[in-house]
C-alpha atoms as a PDB file:
ATOM      1  CA  UNK A   1       7.580  -8.241 -16.333  1.00  0.00           C
ATOM      2  CA  UNK A   2       9.846  -9.978 -18.844  1.00  0.00           C
ATOM      3  CA  UNK A   3       8.363  -7.865 -21.637  1.00  0.00           C
ATOM      4  CA  UNK A   4       8.986  -4.687 -19.653  1.00  0.00           C
ATOM      5  CA  UNK A   5      12.602  -5.363 -18.671  1.00  0.00           C
ATOM      6  CA  UNK A   6      13.448  -6.366 -22.244  1.00  0.00           C
ATOM      7  CA  UNK A   7      11.911  -3.188 -23.683  1.00  0.00           C
ATOM      8  CA  UNK A   8       8.971  -4.906 -25.384  1.00  0.00           C
ATOM      9  CA  UNK A   9       6.319  -3.095 -23.338  1.00  0.00           C
ATOM     10  CA  UNK A  10       6.048   0.553 -22.360  1.00  0.00           C
ATOM     11  CA  UNK A  11       4.386   0.705 -18.934  1.00  0.00           C
ATOM     12  CA  UNK A  12       3.929  -1.457 -15.837  1.00  0.00           C
ATOM     13  CA  UNK A  13       2.542  -0.913 -12.356  1.00  0.00           C
ATOM     14  CA  UNK A  14       4.813  -1.052  -9.330  1.00  0.00           C
ATOM     15  CA  UNK A  15       6.385   0.871  -6.466  1.00  0.00           C
ATOM     16  CA  UNK A  16       9.757   2.274  -5.428  1.00  0.00           C
ATOM     17  CA  UNK A  17      11.133  -1.202  -4.745  1.00  0.00           C
ATOM     18  CA  UNK A  18      10.103  -2.636  -8.104  1.00  0.00           C
ATOM     19  CA  UNK A  19      11.748   0.310  -9.882  1.00  0.00           C
ATOM     20  CA  UNK A  20      15.057  -0.760  -8.307  1.00  0.00           C
ATOM     21  CA  UNK A  21      14.434  -4.389  -9.278  1.00  0.00           C
ATOM     22  CA  UNK A  22      13.550  -3.430 -12.860  1.00  0.00           C
ATOM     23  CA  UNK A  23      16.678  -1.294 -13.188  1.00  0.00           C
ATOM     24  CA  UNK A  24      18.848  -4.186 -12.019  1.00  0.00           C
ATOM     25  CA  UNK A  25      17.278  -6.479 -14.618  1.00  0.00           C
ATOM     26  CA  UNK A  26      17.354  -3.849 -17.391  1.00  0.00           C
ATOM     27  CA  UNK A  27      21.040  -3.171 -16.801  1.00  0.00           C
ATOM     28  CA  UNK A  28      21.534  -6.805 -17.806  1.00  0.00           C
ATOM     29  CA  UNK A  29      18.981  -7.066 -20.617  1.00  0.00           C
ATOM     30  CA  UNK A  30      19.291  -3.619 -22.239  1.00  0.00           C
ATOM     31  CA  UNK A  31      22.588  -2.311 -20.909  1.00  0.00           C
ATOM     32  CA  UNK A  32      23.293   0.354 -18.306  1.00  0.00           C
ATOM     33  CA  UNK A  33      22.653   3.856 -19.636  1.00  0.00           C
ATOM     34  CA  UNK A  34      20.703   2.611 -22.675  1.00  0.00           C
ATOM     35  CA  UNK A  35      17.224   3.096 -21.212  1.00  0.00           C
ATOM     36  CA  UNK A  36      15.280   5.285 -18.786  1.00  0.00           C
ATOM     37  CA  UNK A  37      12.423   4.447 -16.421  1.00  0.00           C
ATOM     38  CA  UNK A  38      10.626   6.444 -13.736  1.00  0.00           C
ATOM     39  CA  UNK A  39       7.399   6.541 -11.746  1.00  0.00           C
ATOM     40  CA  UNK A  40       4.796   8.866 -13.234  1.00  0.00           C
ATOM     41  CA  UNK A  41       2.154  10.852 -11.388  1.00  0.00           C
ATOM     42  CA  UNK A  42      -0.984   8.709 -11.505  1.00  0.00           C
ATOM     43  CA  UNK A  43      -3.271  10.109 -14.243  1.00  0.00           C
ATOM     44  CA  UNK A  44      -6.503  11.825 -13.201  1.00  0.00           C
ATOM     45  CA  UNK A  45      -9.943  10.608 -14.207  1.00  0.00           C
ATOM     46  CA  UNK A  46     -13.335  12.076 -15.116  1.00  0.00           C
ATOM     47  CA  UNK A  47     -13.761  13.379 -11.544  1.00  0.00           C
ATOM     48  CA  UNK A  48     -10.418  15.162 -11.640  1.00  0.00           C
ATOM     49  CA  UNK A  49      -7.095  14.697  -9.865  1.00  0.00           C
ATOM     50  CA  UNK A  50      -8.181  12.652  -6.873  1.00  0.00           C
ATOM     51  CA  UNK A  51      -6.755   9.851  -4.767  1.00  0.00           C
ATOM     52  CA  UNK A  52      -8.467   7.817  -2.090  1.00  0.00           C
ATOM     53  CA  UNK A  53      -7.800   8.005   1.614  1.00  0.00           C
ATOM     54  CA  UNK A  54      -8.040   5.278   4.227  1.00  0.00           C
ATOM     55  CA  UNK A  55      -8.937   4.997   7.893  1.00  0.00           C
ATOM     56  CA  UNK A  56      -6.770   1.930   8.438  1.00  0.00           C
ATOM     57  CA  UNK A  57      -3.877   0.275   6.646  1.00  0.00           C
ATOM     58  CA  UNK A  58      -2.473  -2.209   9.137  1.00  0.00           C
ATOM     59  CA  UNK A  59      -2.686  -3.340  12.741  1.00  0.00           C
ATOM     60  CA  UNK A  60      -1.254  -5.637  15.384  1.00  0.00           C
ATOM     61  CA  UNK A  61      -2.828  -8.960  16.364  1.00  0.00           C
ATOM     62  CA  UNK A  62      -1.768 -10.637  19.612  1.00  0.00           C
ATOM     63  CA  UNK A  63      -2.393 -14.297  20.424  1.00  0.00           C
ATOM     64  CA  UNK A  64      -4.855 -14.895  23.259  1.00  0.00           C
ATOM     65  CA  UNK A  65      -2.219 -17.181  24.833  1.00  0.00           C
ATOM     66  CA  UNK A  66      -0.225 -14.077  25.762  1.00  0.00           C
ATOM     67  CA  UNK A  67      -2.619 -13.241  28.611  1.00  0.00           C
ATOM     68  CA  UNK A  68      -1.502 -16.409  30.394  1.00  0.00           C
ATOM     69  CA  UNK A  69       2.174 -15.470  30.177  1.00  0.00           C
ATOM     70  CA  UNK A  70       4.050 -14.233  33.234  1.00  0.00           C
ATOM     71  CA  UNK A  71       5.591 -11.681  30.836  1.00  0.00           C
ATOM     72  CA  UNK A  72       2.206 -10.339  29.684  1.00  0.00           C
ATOM     73  CA  UNK A  73       2.854  -6.770  30.827  1.00  0.00           C
ATOM     74  CA  UNK A  74       6.384  -6.755  29.404  1.00  0.00           C
ATOM     75  CA  UNK A  75       5.133  -8.040  26.045  1.00  0.00           C
ATOM     76  CA  UNK A  76       2.580  -5.235  25.805  1.00  0.00           C
ATOM     77  CA  UNK A  77       5.212  -2.705  26.836  1.00  0.00           C
ATOM     78  CA  UNK A  78       7.562  -3.983  24.131  1.00  0.00           C
ATOM     79  CA  UNK A  79       4.851  -3.844  21.444  1.00  0.00           C
ATOM     80  CA  UNK A  80       3.948  -0.337  22.567  1.00  0.00           C
ATOM     81  CA  UNK A  81       7.611   0.720  22.332  1.00  0.00           C
ATOM     82  CA  UNK A  82       8.335  -0.993  19.015  1.00  0.00           C
ATOM     83  CA  UNK A  83       5.295   0.262  17.118  1.00  0.00           C
ATOM     84  CA  UNK A  84       4.434   3.556  18.783  1.00  0.00           C
ATOM     85  CA  UNK A  85       7.558   5.199  20.201  1.00  0.00           C
ATOM     86  CA  UNK A  86       9.924   7.339  18.111  1.00  0.00           C
ATOM     87  CA  UNK A  87      12.882   5.235  19.283  1.00  0.00           C
ATOM     88  CA  UNK A  88      11.205   1.901  18.497  1.00  0.00           C
ATOM     89  CA  UNK A  89      10.076   2.981  15.044  1.00  0.00           C
ATOM     90  CA  UNK A  90      13.553   4.262  14.172  1.00  0.00           C
ATOM     91  CA  UNK A  91      15.115   1.041  15.488  1.00  0.00           C
ATOM     92  CA  UNK A  92      12.766  -1.172  13.444  1.00  0.00           C
ATOM     93  CA  UNK A  93      13.442   0.838  10.299  1.00  0.00           C
ATOM     94  CA  UNK A  94      17.139   1.794  10.453  1.00  0.00           C
ATOM     95  CA  UNK A  95      18.582  -0.639  12.978  1.00  0.00           C
ATOM     96  CA  UNK A  96      21.338   0.181  15.466  1.00  0.00           C
ATOM     97  CA  UNK A  97      23.155   3.490  15.222  1.00  0.00           C
ATOM     98  CA  UNK A  98      26.859   2.924  14.639  1.00  0.00           C
ATOM     99  CA  UNK A  99      26.211  -0.635  13.386  1.00  0.00           C
ATOM    100  CA  UNK A 100      23.784  -0.313  10.472  1.00  0.00           C
ATOM    101  CA  UNK A 101      23.645   3.479  10.107  1.00  0.00           C
ATOM    102  CA  UNK A 102      25.065   6.802  11.231  1.00  0.00           C
ATOM    103  CA  UNK A 103      23.147   9.923  12.178  1.00  0.00           C
ATOM    104  CA  UNK A 104      24.511  13.432  11.887  1.00  0.00           C
ATOM    105  CA  UNK A 105      22.479  16.609  12.092  1.00  0.00           C
ATOM    106  CA  UNK A 106      19.307  14.522  12.083  1.00  0.00           C
ATOM    107  CA  UNK A 107      20.256  12.917   8.745  1.00  0.00           C
ATOM    108  CA  UNK A 108      20.607   9.132   8.733  1.00  0.00           C
ATOM    109  CA  UNK A 109      22.988   7.310   6.410  1.00  0.00           C
ATOM    110  CA  UNK A 110      23.514   3.603   5.902  1.00  0.00           C
ATOM    111  CA  UNK A 111      26.941   2.201   6.721  1.00  0.00           C
ATOM    112  CA  UNK A 112      29.201   1.842   3.672  1.00  0.00           C
ATOM    113  CA  UNK A 113      28.724  -1.928   3.397  1.00  0.00           C
ATOM    114  CA  UNK A 114      24.919  -1.910   3.787  1.00  0.00           C
ATOM    115  CA  UNK A 115      22.287  -1.376   1.104  1.00  0.00           C
ATOM    116  CA  UNK A 116      18.526  -0.967   1.228  1.00  0.00           C
ATOM    117  CA  UNK A 117      16.325  -0.619  -1.849  1.00  0.00           C
ATOM    118  CA  UNK A 118      19.080   0.985  -3.907  1.00  0.00           C
ATOM    119  CA  UNK A 119      19.905   3.700  -1.340  1.00  0.00           C
ATOM    120  CA  UNK A 120      23.518   2.523  -1.205  1.00  0.00           C
ATOM    121  CA  UNK A 121      24.083   0.369  -4.314  1.00  0.00           C
ATOM    122  CA  UNK A 122      27.710  -0.309  -3.421  1.00  0.00           C
ATOM    123  CA  UNK A 123      26.707  -1.972  -0.166  1.00  0.00           C
ATOM    124  CA  UNK A 124      27.144  -5.742  -0.240  1.00  0.00           C
ATOM    125  CA  UNK A 125      24.876  -6.523   2.725  1.00  0.00           C
ATOM    126  CA  UNK A 126      21.113  -6.028   2.708  1.00  0.00           C
ATOM    127  CA  UNK A 127      19.658  -4.230   5.729  1.00  0.00           C
ATOM    128  CA  UNK A 128      16.730  -6.652   5.732  1.00  0.00           C
ATOM    129  CA  UNK A 129      18.402  -9.959   4.912  1.00  0.00           C
ATOM    130  CA  UNK A 130      21.639  -9.721   6.878  1.00  0.00           C
ATOM    131  CA  UNK A 131      20.433  -7.538   9.747  1.00  0.00           C
ATOM    132  CA  UNK A 132      16.661  -8.071   9.926  1.00  0.00           C
ATOM    133  CA  UNK A 133      15.633  -4.414   9.940  1.00  0.00           C
ATOM    134  CA  UNK A 134      13.209  -2.429   7.774  1.00  0.00           C
ATOM    135  CA  UNK A 135      10.869  -5.371   7.271  1.00  0.00           C
ATOM    136  CA  UNK A 136       7.293  -4.437   6.422  1.00  0.00           C
ATOM    137  CA  UNK A 137       5.915  -6.333   9.434  1.00  0.00           C
ATOM    138  CA  UNK A 138       7.721  -4.263  12.064  1.00  0.00           C
ATOM    139  CA  UNK A 139       8.969  -1.108  10.326  1.00  0.00           C
ATOM    140  CA  UNK A 140       5.642   0.613   9.905  1.00  0.00           C
ATOM    141  CA  UNK A 141       4.201   3.986  10.818  1.00  0.00           C
ATOM    142  CA  UNK A 142       6.042   6.888  12.339  1.00  0.00           C
ATOM    143  CA  UNK A 143       6.501  10.494  11.323  1.00  0.00           C
ATOM    144  CA  UNK A 144       6.561  11.659   7.723  1.00  0.00           C
ATOM    145  CA  UNK A 145      10.238  12.502   8.223  1.00  0.00           C
ATOM    146  CA  UNK A 146      11.031   8.925   9.263  1.00  0.00           C
ATOM    147  CA  UNK A 147       8.939   7.483   6.440  1.00  0.00           C
ATOM    148  CA  UNK A 148      10.677   9.603   3.819  1.00  0.00           C
ATOM    149  CA  UNK A 149      14.135   9.119   5.311  1.00  0.00           C
ATOM    150  CA  UNK A 150      14.496   5.948   3.261  1.00  0.00           C
ATOM    151  CA  UNK A 151      13.021   7.359   0.061  1.00  0.00           C
ATOM    152  CA  UNK A 152      15.336   7.943  -2.857  1.00  0.00           C
ATOM    153  CA  UNK A 153      15.343  11.439  -4.369  1.00  0.00           C
ATOM    154  CA  UNK A 154      13.292  10.009  -7.222  1.00  0.00           C
ATOM    155  CA  UNK A 155      10.660   8.636  -4.852  1.00  0.00           C
ATOM    156  CA  UNK A 156      10.518  11.884  -2.892  1.00  0.00           C
ATOM    157  CA  UNK A 157       9.878  13.751  -6.143  1.00  0.00           C
ATOM    158  CA  UNK A 158       7.055  11.343  -6.988  1.00  0.00           C
ATOM    159  CA  UNK A 159       5.503  11.810  -3.543  1.00  0.00           C
ATOM    160  CA  UNK A 160       5.796  15.598  -3.901  1.00  0.00           C
ATOM    161  CA  UNK A 161       4.153  15.488  -7.320  1.00  0.00           C
ATOM    162  CA  UNK A 162       1.262  13.376  -6.018  1.00  0.00           C
ATOM    163  CA  UNK A 163       0.809  15.661  -3.019  1.00  0.00           C
ATOM    164  CA  UNK A 164       0.751  18.812  -5.148  1.00  0.00           C
ATOM    165  CA  UNK A 165      -1.447  17.352  -7.883  1.00  0.00           C
ATOM    166  CA  UNK A 166      -4.012  15.257  -6.064  1.00  0.00           C
ATOM    167  CA  UNK A 167      -6.895  15.965  -3.729  1.00  0.00           C
ATOM    168  CA  UNK A 168      -7.397  13.281  -1.095  1.00  0.00           C
ATOM    169  CA  UNK A 169     -10.945  11.929  -1.079  1.00  0.00           C
ATOM    170  CA  UNK A 170     -12.381  11.124   2.332  1.00  0.00           C
ATOM    171  CA  UNK A 171     -12.561   7.377   3.056  1.00  0.00           C
ATOM    172  CA  UNK A 172     -15.859   5.611   2.675  1.00  0.00           C
ATOM    173  CA  UNK A 173     -18.087   5.957   5.755  1.00  0.00           C
ATOM    174  CA  UNK A 174     -18.353   3.010   8.150  1.00  0.00           C
ATOM    175  CA  UNK A 175     -21.375   0.739   7.790  1.00  0.00           C
ATOM    176  CA  UNK A 176     -21.675  -1.246  11.051  1.00  0.00           C
ATOM    177  CA  UNK A 177     -23.813  -4.214  10.009  1.00  0.00           C
ATOM    178  CA  UNK A 178     -25.482  -6.508  12.494  1.00  0.00           C
ATOM    179  CA  UNK A 179     -24.588 -10.220  12.263  1.00  0.00           C
ATOM    180  CA  UNK A 180     -27.733 -10.939  10.254  1.00  0.00           C
ATOM    181  CA  UNK A 181     -27.215  -7.963   7.936  1.00  0.00           C
ATOM    182  CA  UNK A 182     -23.588  -8.922   7.313  1.00  0.00           C
ATOM    183  CA  UNK A 183     -24.620 -12.447   6.302  1.00  0.00           C
ATOM    184  CA  UNK A 184     -27.171 -11.069   3.815  1.00  0.00           C
ATOM    185  CA  UNK A 185     -24.728  -8.497   2.448  1.00  0.00           C
ATOM    186  CA  UNK A 186     -21.984 -11.116   2.029  1.00  0.00           C
ATOM    187  CA  UNK A 187     -24.312 -13.421   0.092  1.00  0.00           C
ATOM    188  CA  UNK A 188     -25.190 -10.534  -2.219  1.00  0.00           C
ATOM    189  CA  UNK A 189     -21.827  -8.786  -2.529  1.00  0.00           C
ATOM    190  CA  UNK A 190     -19.563 -11.786  -3.213  1.00  0.00           C
ATOM    191  CA  UNK A 191     -21.102 -12.765  -6.590  1.00  0.00           C
ATOM    192  CA  UNK A 192     -21.654  -9.075  -7.451  1.00  0.00           C
ATOM    193  CA  UNK A 193     -17.981  -8.293  -6.909  1.00  0.00           C
ATOM    194  CA  UNK A 194     -16.845 -11.326  -8.913  1.00  0.00           C
ATOM    195  CA  UNK A 195     -19.130 -10.405 -11.811  1.00  0.00           C
ATOM    196  CA  UNK A 196     -18.030  -6.768 -11.669  1.00  0.00           C
ATOM    197  CA  UNK A 197     -14.337  -7.712 -11.676  1.00  0.00           C
ATOM    198  CA  UNK A 198     -14.806 -10.089 -14.609  1.00  0.00           C
ATOM    199  CA  UNK A 199     -16.630  -7.539 -16.741  1.00  0.00           C
ATOM    200  CA  UNK A 200     -14.340  -4.662 -15.770  1.00  0.00           C
ATOM    201  CA  UNK A 201     -11.461  -6.710 -17.155  1.00  0.00           C
ATOM    202  CA  UNK A 202     -13.439  -7.424 -20.327  1.00  0.00           C
ATOM    203  CA  UNK A 203     -14.109  -3.697 -20.823  1.00  0.00           C
ATOM    204  CA  UNK A 204     -10.434  -2.859 -20.268  1.00  0.00           C
ATOM    205  CA  UNK A 205      -9.163  -5.534 -22.655  1.00  0.00           C
ATOM    206  CA  UNK A 206     -11.758  -4.758 -25.308  1.00  0.00           C
ATOM    207  CA  UNK A 207     -13.440  -8.141 -24.983  1.00  0.00           C
ATOM    208  CA  UNK A 208     -16.684  -6.303 -24.246  1.00  0.00           C
ATOM    209  CA  UNK A 209     -17.772  -3.122 -25.989  1.00  0.00           C
ATOM    210  CA  UNK A 210     -18.155  -0.067 -23.750  1.00  0.00           C
ATOM    211  CA  UNK A 211     -21.452   0.545 -25.528  1.00  0.00           C
ATOM    212  CA  UNK A 212     -22.784  -2.354 -23.425  1.00  0.00           C
ATOM    213  CA  UNK A 213     -22.110  -0.556 -20.132  1.00  0.00           C
ATOM    214  CA  UNK A 214     -25.784   0.264 -19.515  1.00  0.00           C
ATOM    215  CA  UNK A 215     -26.621  -3.378 -20.175  1.00  0.00           C
ATOM    216  CA  UNK A 216     -23.938  -4.349 -17.654  1.00  0.00           C
ATOM    217  CA  UNK A 217     -25.607  -2.121 -15.033  1.00  0.00           C
ATOM    218  CA  UNK A 218     -28.933  -3.822 -15.749  1.00  0.00           C
ATOM    219  CA  UNK A 219     -27.242  -7.191 -15.281  1.00  0.00           C
ATOM    220  CA  UNK A 220     -26.052  -6.083 -11.860  1.00  0.00           C
ATOM    221  CA  UNK A 221     -29.582  -4.979 -11.014  1.00  0.00           C
ATOM    222  CA  UNK A 222     -30.881  -8.431 -11.879  1.00  0.00           C
ATOM    223  CA  UNK A 223     -28.246  -9.963  -9.572  1.00  0.00           C
ATOM    224  CA  UNK A 224     -29.367  -7.980  -6.529  1.00  0.00           C
ATOM    225  CA  UNK A 225     -27.258  -4.828  -6.441  1.00  0.00           C
ATOM    226  CA  UNK A 226     -30.405  -2.889  -5.504  1.00  0.00           C
ATOM    227  CA  UNK A 227     -30.974  -5.089  -2.451  1.00  0.00           C
ATOM    228  CA  UNK A 228     -27.341  -4.674  -1.464  1.00  0.00           C
ATOM    229  CA  UNK A 229     -27.539  -0.876  -1.685  1.00  0.00           C
ATOM    230  CA  UNK A 230     -30.824  -0.802   0.209  1.00  0.00           C
ATOM    231  CA  UNK A 231     -29.334  -2.699   3.174  1.00  0.00           C
ATOM    232  CA  UNK A 232     -26.131  -0.638   3.124  1.00  0.00           C
ATOM    233  CA  UNK A 233     -27.917   2.712   2.965  1.00  0.00           C
ATOM    234  CA  UNK A 234     -30.468   1.744   5.602  1.00  0.00           C
ATOM    235  CA  UNK A 235     -27.731   0.587   7.994  1.00  0.00           C
ATOM    236  CA  UNK A 236     -25.610   3.686   7.378  1.00  0.00           C
ATOM    237  CA  UNK A 237     -28.579   6.015   7.907  1.00  0.00           C
ATOM    238  CA  UNK A 238     -29.410   4.268  11.193  1.00  0.00           C
ATOM    239  CA  UNK A 239     -25.754   4.622  12.249  1.00  0.00           C
ATOM    240  CA  UNK A 240     -25.706   8.353  11.460  1.00  0.00           C
ATOM    241  CA  UNK A 241     -28.878   8.983  13.463  1.00  0.00           C
ATOM    242  CA  UNK A 242     -27.376   7.511  16.630  1.00  0.00           C
ATOM    243  CA  UNK A 243     -26.548  10.119  19.309  1.00  0.00           C
END
């Protein structure tokens, strides 16, 4: 990160929030107006312009102690409102209308003294730190309109570019292992994943010649990747054949 913000490296991974952080640092290290950074559309690969999908990104876990509470029903009602109602999702993200933001013609705007992720750079108070809103734990989900309501124009352009360029690949199918199968798969997959990660890094950094890729595949075979695939495919086939 130090190399990037001082102009010694060309590219770095990140998201809309890190772009704001990098700009703040680069204004100090390189000088405002003396550099330019932006998010680029993720490059395509041999299979084309694709990006992966997902069935699940997050969820809510509730302590078992809650069932003993006299407020059990109210707690569930509050969670349902906060995470799944339009009003609750807007509240968690933007805060209180007239206090942290205004809304006119369906367009929300932070109050003059409040900032969030560079949306209002002149604001001296952070929506998250001073007011407790828009935290990743609670401000999640909602409509596309609500999600993008806090995107900068730059981020919206990036999202548009990705949407127009990429084809979303269906998520991997579920493989509902039995307890015994999961134990066997875990014993096989853990060392396989570690070895794959280690050698992937070596290929990327040039510490291992790409000409050895076929040898690498053979090494995985000797470590049980065939057994792993056999269990996975057998379990998935059995799952598909269920009525």
